[in-house]
PDB file of N, CA and C in Angstrom:
ATOM      1  N   MET A   1     107.797  76.704 103.233  1.00  0.00           N
ATOM      2  CA  MET A   1     108.933  77.223 102.393  1.00  0.00           C
ATOM      3  C   MET A   1     109.954  77.713 103.895  1.00  0.00           C
ATOM      4  N   ARG A   2     110.883  77.917 103.884  1.00  0.00           N
ATOM      5  CA  ARG A   2     111.652  78.029 105.215  1.00  0.00           C
ATOM      6  C   ARG A   2     111.564  79.621 105.313  1.00  0.00           C
ATOM      7  N   ARG A   3     111.821  80.066 106.766  1.00  0.00           N
ATOM      8  CA  ARG A   3     111.631  81.628 106.750  1.00  0.00           C
ATOM      9  C   ARG A   3     113.136  81.670 106.148  1.00  0.00           C
ATOM     10  N   THR A   4     113.740  83.217 105.758  1.00  0.00           N
ATOM     11  CA  THR A   4     115.245  83.092 106.058  1.00  0.00           C
ATOM     12  C   THR A   4     115.306  84.217 106.713  1.00  0.00           C
ATOM     13  N   PHE A   5     116.670  84.540 106.929  1.00  0.00           N
ATOM     14  CA  PHE A   5     116.965  85.449 107.859  1.00  0.00           C
ATOM     15  C   PHE A   5     116.457  87.134 106.815  1.00  0.00           C
ATOM     16  N   ALA A   6     116.761  86.967 105.711  1.00  0.00           N
ATOM     17  CA  ALA A   6     116.506  88.209 104.704  1.00  0.00           C
ATOM     18  C   ALA A   6     114.877  88.492 104.688  1.00  0.00           C
ATOM     19  N   ASP A   7     114.112  87.537 105.112  1.00  0.00           N
ATOM     20  CA  ASP A   7     112.537  87.562 105.129  1.00  0.00           C
ATOM     21  C   ASP A   7     111.992  88.093 106.470  1.00  0.00           C
ATOM     22  N   ALA A   8     112.987  88.458 107.326  1.00  0.00           N
ATOM     23  CA  ALA A   8     112.860  88.488 108.915  1.00  0.00           C
ATOM     24  C   ALA A   8     113.098  89.719 108.631  1.00  0.00           C
ATOM     25  N   ARG A   9     114.253  90.558 107.575  1.00  0.00           N
ATOM     26  CA  ARG A   9     114.611  91.551 108.136  1.00  0.00           C
ATOM     27  C   ARG A   9     114.591  92.766 107.363  1.00  0.00           C
ATOM     28  N   ARG A  10     113.333  92.132 105.460  1.00  0.00           N
ATOM     29  CA  ARG A  10     112.326  92.513 105.441  1.00  0.00           C
ATOM     30  C   ARG A  10     110.837  92.916 106.185  1.00  0.00           C
ATOM     31  N   TRP A  11     110.913  92.039 107.278  1.00  0.00           N
ATOM     32  CA  TRP A  11     109.146  92.359 107.851  1.00  0.00           C
ATOM     33  C   TRP A  11     109.510  93.403 108.656  1.00  0.00           C
ATOM     34  N   MET A  12     111.213  93.374 109.411  1.00  0.00           N
ATOM     35  CA  MET A  12     111.083  94.385 110.143  1.00  0.00           C
ATOM     36  C   MET A  12     111.286  95.412 109.921  1.00  0.00           C
ATOM     37  N   GLN A  13     111.550  95.556 108.604  1.00  0.00           N
ATOM     38  CA  GLN A  13     111.976  96.863 108.059  1.00  0.00           C
ATOM     39  C   GLN A  13     109.613  97.182 108.298  1.00  0.00           C
ATOM     40  N   GLN A  14     109.115  96.251 107.065  1.00  0.00           N
ATOM     41  CA  GLN A  14     108.059  97.492 106.555  1.00  0.00           C
ATOM     42  C   GLN A  14     107.272  97.385 107.840  1.00  0.00           C
ATOM     43  N   GLY A  15     107.739  96.748 109.215  1.00  0.00           N
ATOM     44  CA  GLY A  15     106.538  97.203 110.519  1.00  0.00           C
ATOM     45  C   GLY A  15     107.356  98.374 110.839  1.00  0.00           C
ATOM     46  N   THR A  16     108.440  98.508 110.736  1.00  0.00           N
ATOM     47  CA  THR A  16     109.431  99.408 111.650  1.00  0.00           C
ATOM     48  C   THR A  16     108.806 101.004 110.586  1.00  0.00           C
ATOM     49  N   ALA A  17     108.395 101.023 109.512  1.00  0.00           N
ATOM     50  CA  ALA A  17     108.235 101.994 108.954  1.00  0.00           C
ATOM     51  C   ALA A  17     106.457 102.141 108.909  1.00  0.00           C
ATOM     52  N   LEU A  18     105.601 101.137 109.298  1.00  0.00           N
ATOM     53  CA  LEU A  18     104.162 101.733 109.543  1.00  0.00           C
ATOM     54  C   LEU A  18     104.548 102.132 111.015  1.00  0.00           C
ATOM     55  N   LEU A  19     105.048 101.710 111.891  1.00  0.00           N
ATOM     56  CA  LEU A  19     104.755 102.112 113.378  1.00  0.00           C
ATOM     57  C   LEU A  19     105.555 103.607 113.449  1.00  0.00           C
ATOM     58  N   ALA A  20     106.802 103.826 112.466  1.00  0.00           N
ATOM     59  CA  ALA A  20     107.217 105.473 112.493  1.00  0.00           C
ATOM     60  C   ALA A  20     106.064 105.956 112.040  1.00  0.00           C
ATOM     61  N   LYS A  21     105.246 105.500 110.671  1.00  0.00           N
ATOM     62  CA  LYS A  21     104.142 106.368 110.297  1.00  0.00           C
ATOM     63  C   LYS A  21     103.211 106.362 111.373  1.00  0.00           C
ATOM     64  N   GLU A  22     102.825 105.671 112.010  1.00  0.00           N
ATOM     65  CA  GLU A  22     101.427 106.063 113.505  1.00  0.00           C
ATOM     66  C   GLU A  22     102.254 106.181 114.967  1.00  0.00           C
ATOM     67  N   ALA A  23     103.465 106.584 115.133  1.00  0.00           N
ATOM     68  CA  ALA A  23     104.327 106.980 115.933  1.00  0.00           C
ATOM     69  C   ALA A  23     103.914 108.954 116.186  1.00  0.00           C
ATOM     70  N   ASP A  24     103.442 109.722 114.931  1.00  0.00           N
ATOM     71  CA  ASP A  24     102.909 110.734 114.206  1.00  0.00           C
ATOM     72  C   ASP A  24     101.876 111.348 115.665  1.00  0.00           C
ATOM     73  N   LEU A  25     101.482 110.007 116.212  1.00  0.00           N
ATOM     74  CA  LEU A  25      99.554 110.289 116.615  1.00  0.00           C
ATOM     75  C   LEU A  25     100.067 111.289 117.634  1.00  0.00           C
ATOM     76  N   ASP A  26      98.949 111.581 118.582  1.00  0.00           N
ATOM     77  CA  ASP A  26      98.834 112.849 119.235  1.00  0.00           C
ATOM     78  C   ASP A  26      98.370 111.912 120.356  1.00  0.00           C
ATOM     79  N   ASP A  27      98.895 112.849 121.976  1.00  0.00           N
ATOM     80  CA  ASP A  27      98.153 111.680 122.881  1.00  0.00           C
ATOM     81  C   ASP A  27      96.396 111.571 122.681  1.00  0.00           C
ATOM     82  N   ASP A  28      95.847 112.264 122.047  1.00  0.00           N
ATOM     83  CA  ASP A  28      93.945 112.700 122.122  1.00  0.00           C
ATOM     84  C   ASP A  28      93.627 111.015 120.903  1.00  0.00           C
ATOM     85  N   ALA A  29      94.987 111.505 120.032  1.00  0.00           N
ATOM     86  CA  ALA A  29      94.661 109.971 118.790  1.00  0.00           C
ATOM     87  C   ALA A  29      94.927 108.803 119.834  1.00  0.00           C
ATOM     88  N   LEU A  30      96.074 108.510 120.234  1.00  0.00           N
ATOM     89  CA  LEU A  30      96.461 107.679 120.808  1.00  0.00           C
ATOM     90  C   LEU A  30      95.695 106.553 121.687  1.00  0.00           C
ATOM     91  N   ASP A  31      94.890 107.962 122.380  1.00  0.00           N
ATOM     92  CA  ASP A  31      92.952 107.573 122.989  1.00  0.00           C
ATOM     93  C   ASP A  31      92.499 107.045 122.187  1.00  0.00           C
ATOM     94  N   ALA A  32      92.417 107.097 121.286  1.00  0.00           N
ATOM     95  CA  ALA A  32      91.174 106.819 120.498  1.00  0.00           C
ATOM     96  C   ALA A  32      90.977 105.738 120.207  1.00  0.00           C
ATOM     97  N   PRO A  33      89.469 104.992 119.623  1.00  0.00           N
ATOM     98  CA  PRO A  33      89.435 103.612 119.683  1.00  0.00           C
ATOM     99  C   PRO A  33      90.762 102.738 118.348  1.00  0.00           C
ATOM    100  N   SER A  34      90.565 102.187 118.333  1.00  0.00           N
ATOM    101  CA  SER A  34      91.492 100.926 117.379  1.00  0.00           C
ATOM    102  C   SER A  34      89.769 100.383 116.700  1.00  0.00           C
ATOM    103  N   SER A  35      89.707  99.408 115.539  1.00  0.00           N
ATOM    104  CA  SER A  35      89.119  98.774 114.807  1.00  0.00           C
ATOM    105  C   SER A  35      89.164  97.490 115.792  1.00  0.00           C
ATOM    106  N   LEU A  36      90.051  96.985 116.749  1.00  0.00           N
ATOM    107  CA  LEU A  36      89.680  95.988 117.860  1.00  0.00           C
ATOM    108  C   LEU A  36      88.521  96.394 118.480  1.00  0.00           C
ATOM    109  N   PRO A  37      87.723  95.553 118.514  1.00  0.00           N
ATOM    110  CA  PRO A  37      86.821  96.482 119.988  1.00  0.00           C
ATOM    111  C   PRO A  37      87.470  96.489 121.015  1.00  0.00           C
ATOM    112  N   GLY A  38      87.467  97.166 122.472  1.00  0.00           N
ATOM    113  CA  GLY A  38      87.997  97.417 123.364  1.00  0.00           C
ATOM    114  C   GLY A  38      89.119  98.271 123.480  1.00  0.00           C
ATOM    115  N   TRP A  39      90.384  98.318 122.418  1.00  0.00           N
ATOM    116  CA  TRP A  39      91.975  98.503 122.341  1.00  0.00           C
ATOM    117  C   TRP A  39      91.649 100.060 121.169  1.00  0.00           C
ATOM    118  N   SER A  40      92.290 100.768 122.436  1.00  0.00           N
ATOM    119  CA  SER A  40      92.766 101.880 121.831  1.00  0.00           C
ATOM    120  C   SER A  40      93.613 101.548 120.952  1.00  0.00           C
ATOM    121  N   ARG A  41      94.128 103.253 120.010  1.00  0.00           N
ATOM    122  CA  ARG A  41      94.971 102.918 119.280  1.00  0.00           C
ATOM    123  C   ARG A  41      96.382 102.826 119.830  1.00  0.00           C
ATOM    124  N   GLY A  42      96.848 103.625 121.196  1.00  0.00           N
ATOM    125  CA  GLY A  42      97.580 103.133 122.044  1.00  0.00           C
ATOM    126  C   GLY A  42      97.675 101.597 122.773  1.00  0.00           C
ATOM    127  N   HIS A  43      96.823 101.188 123.332  1.00  0.00           N
ATOM    128  CA  HIS A  43      96.859  99.125 122.929  1.00  0.00           C
ATOM    129  C   HIS A  43      97.698  98.407 122.043  1.00  0.00           C
ATOM    130  N   LEU A  44      97.037  98.735 120.837  1.00  0.00           N
ATOM    131  CA  LEU A  44      97.662  98.325 120.030  1.00  0.00           C
ATOM    132  C   LEU A  44      99.052  98.696 119.677  1.00  0.00           C
ATOM    133  N   LEU A  45      99.606  99.972 119.609  1.00  0.00           N
ATOM    134  CA  LEU A  45     101.233  99.485 119.653  1.00  0.00           C
ATOM    135  C   LEU A  45     102.106  99.390 120.814  1.00  0.00           C
ATOM    136  N   ALA A  46     101.191  99.857 121.538  1.00  0.00           N
ATOM    137  CA  ALA A  46     102.126  98.967 122.840  1.00  0.00           C
ATOM    138  C   ALA A  46     102.061  97.537 122.359  1.00  0.00           C
ATOM    139  N   HIS A  47     100.857  96.411 122.015  1.00  0.00           N
ATOM    140  CA  HIS A  47     100.918  95.332 121.916  1.00  0.00           C
ATOM    141  C   HIS A  47     101.925  95.001 120.811  1.00  0.00           C
ATOM    142  N   ILE A  48     102.180  95.402 119.643  1.00  0.00           N
ATOM    143  CA  ILE A  48     103.269  95.884 118.733  1.00  0.00           C
ATOM    144  C   ILE A  48     104.686  95.641 119.023  1.00  0.00           C
ATOM    145  N   ALA A  49     104.488  96.774 120.207  1.00  0.00           N
ATOM    146  CA  ALA A  49     105.759  97.154 120.309  1.00  0.00           C
ATOM    147  C   ALA A  49     106.608  95.366 121.003  1.00  0.00           C
ATOM    148  N   ALA A  50     105.777  95.457 122.358  1.00  0.00           N
ATOM    149  CA  ALA A  50     105.715  93.724 123.697  1.00  0.00           C
ATOM    150  C   ALA A  50     105.970  92.818 122.024  1.00  0.00           C
ATOM    151  N   ASN A  51     105.482  92.657 121.153  1.00  0.00           N
ATOM    152  CA  ASN A  51     106.074  91.487 120.369  1.00  0.00           C
ATOM    153  C   ASN A  51     107.118  91.359 119.180  1.00  0.00           C
ATOM    154  N   ALA A  52     107.512  93.227 119.111  1.00  0.00           N
ATOM    155  CA  ALA A  52     108.541  93.337 118.314  1.00  0.00           C
ATOM    156  C   ALA A  52     109.788  93.116 119.971  1.00  0.00           C
ATOM    157  N   ASP A  53     109.631  93.484 120.385  1.00  0.00           N
ATOM    158  CA  ASP A  53     110.309  93.196 121.376  1.00  0.00           C
ATOM    159  C   ASP A  53     110.672  91.655 121.647  1.00  0.00           C
ATOM    160  N   ALA A  54     109.952  90.415 122.506  1.00  0.00           N
ATOM    161  CA  ALA A  54     110.074  89.455 122.215  1.00  0.00           C
ATOM    162  C   ALA A  54     110.446  88.008 121.026  1.00  0.00           C
ATOM    163  N   LEU A  55     109.746  88.819 120.025  1.00  0.00           N
ATOM    164  CA  LEU A  55     110.795  88.806 119.093  1.00  0.00           C
ATOM    165  C   LEU A  55     112.416  89.026 117.933  1.00  0.00           C
ATOM    166  N   GLY A  56     112.147  90.157 118.555  1.00  0.00           N
ATOM    167  CA  GLY A  56     113.756  90.737 118.015  1.00  0.00           C
ATOM    168  C   GLY A  56     114.722  90.079 117.803  1.00  0.00           C
ATOM    169  N   ASP A  57     115.114  88.618 118.776  1.00  0.00           N
ATOM    170  CA  ASP A  57     116.295  87.803 118.124  1.00  0.00           C
ATOM    171  C   ASP A  57     115.864  86.864 117.949  1.00  0.00           C
ATOM    172  N   GLU A  58     114.651  86.601 117.083  1.00  0.00           N
ATOM    173  CA  GLU A  58     114.752  85.483 116.225  1.00  0.00           C
ATOM    174  C   GLU A  58     115.367  85.770 115.106  1.00  0.00           C
ATOM    175  N   PRO A  59     115.850  86.286 114.140  1.00  0.00           N
ATOM    176  CA  PRO A  59     116.901  86.353 113.189  1.00  0.00           C
ATOM    177  C   PRO A  59     117.730  85.778 113.264  1.00  0.00           C
ATOM    178  N   VAL A  60     118.180  86.040 114.885  1.00  0.00           N
ATOM    179  CA  VAL A  60     119.881  85.468 114.892  1.00  0.00           C
ATOM    180  C   VAL A  60     119.474  84.105 115.905  1.00  0.00           C
ATOM    181  N   ARG A  61     118.512  83.593 116.417  1.00  0.00           N
ATOM    182  CA  ARG A  61     118.023  83.075 116.533  1.00  0.00           C
ATOM    183  C   ARG A  61     117.834  81.667 115.170  1.00  0.00           C
ATOM    184  N   ALA A  62     117.330  82.460 114.329  1.00  0.00           N
ATOM    185  CA  ALA A  62     117.052  81.688 112.856  1.00  0.00           C
ATOM    186  C   ALA A  62     118.818  81.338 112.195  1.00  0.00           C
ATOM    187  N   ASP A  63     119.465  82.609 112.102  1.00  0.00           N
ATOM    188  CA  ASP A  63     120.607  82.525 111.998  1.00  0.00           C
ATOM    189  C   ASP A  63     121.346  81.309 112.030  1.00  0.00           C
ATOM    190  N   LEU A  64     121.797  81.370 113.197  1.00  0.00           N
ATOM    191  CA  LEU A  64     122.160  80.511 113.876  1.00  0.00           C
ATOM    192  C   LEU A  64     122.026  78.789 114.486  1.00  0.00           C
ATOM    193  N   GLY A  65     120.890  78.741 113.745  1.00  0.00           N
ATOM    194  CA  GLY A  65     119.906  77.327 113.583  1.00  0.00           C
ATOM    195  C   GLY A  65     119.624  76.854 114.715  1.00  0.00           C
ATOM    196  N   LEU A  66     119.181  77.333 115.804  1.00  0.00           N
ATOM    197  CA  LEU A  66     118.609  77.427 117.168  1.00  0.00           C
ATOM    198  C   LEU A  66     117.177  77.259 116.901  1.00  0.00           C
ATOM    199  N   GLN A  67     116.297  76.840 117.698  1.00  0.00           N
ATOM    200  CA  GLN A  67     115.263  76.958 118.239  1.00  0.00           C
ATOM    201  C   GLN A  67     114.207  77.768 117.792  1.00  0.00           C
ATOM    202  N   LEU A  68     113.050  78.115 116.563  1.00  0.00           N
ATOM    203  CA  LEU A  68     112.642  79.481 117.221  1.00  0.00           C
ATOM    204  C   LEU A  68     111.337  78.900 117.614  1.00  0.00           C
ATOM    205  N   GLY A  69     110.333  79.980 118.005  1.00  0.00           N
ATOM    206  CA  GLY A  69     109.451  80.074 119.167  1.00  0.00           C
ATOM    207  C   GLY A  69     109.009  81.512 119.942  1.00  0.00           C
ATOM    208  N   ARG A  70     107.316  81.269 119.914  1.00  0.00           N
ATOM    209  CA  ARG A  70     107.190  82.369 120.881  1.00  0.00           C
ATOM    210  C   ARG A  70     106.902  81.748 122.195  1.00  0.00           C
ATOM    211  N   ARG A  71     106.637  82.230 123.325  1.00  0.00           N
ATOM    212  CA  ARG A  71     107.080  82.179 124.815  1.00  0.00           C
ATOM    213  C   ARG A  71     105.280  81.319 124.767  1.00  0.00           C
ATOM    214  N   GLU A  72     105.192  80.772 125.640  1.00  0.00           N
ATOM    215  CA  GLU A  72     103.717  79.706 125.952  1.00  0.00           C
ATOM    216  C   GLU A  72     102.403  81.079 126.155  1.00  0.00           C
ATOM    217  N   ALA A  73     101.275  80.661 125.919  1.00  0.00           N
ATOM    218  CA  ALA A  73     100.360  81.487 126.040  1.00  0.00           C
ATOM    219  C   ALA A  73     100.111  80.845 127.309  1.00  0.00           C
ATOM    220  N   LYS A  74      99.280  81.215 128.714  1.00  0.00           N
ATOM    221  CA  LYS A  74      98.878  80.904 130.138  1.00  0.00           C
ATOM    222  C   LYS A  74      97.868  80.803 129.986  1.00  0.00           C
TER     223      LYS A  74
END
């Protein structure tokens, strides 16, 4: 199944709603452990935000028919 611009927009809206809910955490809550071993809630939210930045141009690239992809792992 091919991903569409509408799919990307829907996923972005869902992710934004999730992060907005979590953004209300205070510093102590952000410093608390997440369910991922070794990751605080703050680390997890920062990771999600960095990925969102990296993927932010993908809907435009898809709409233009350009190659999609993430950066290569090191």
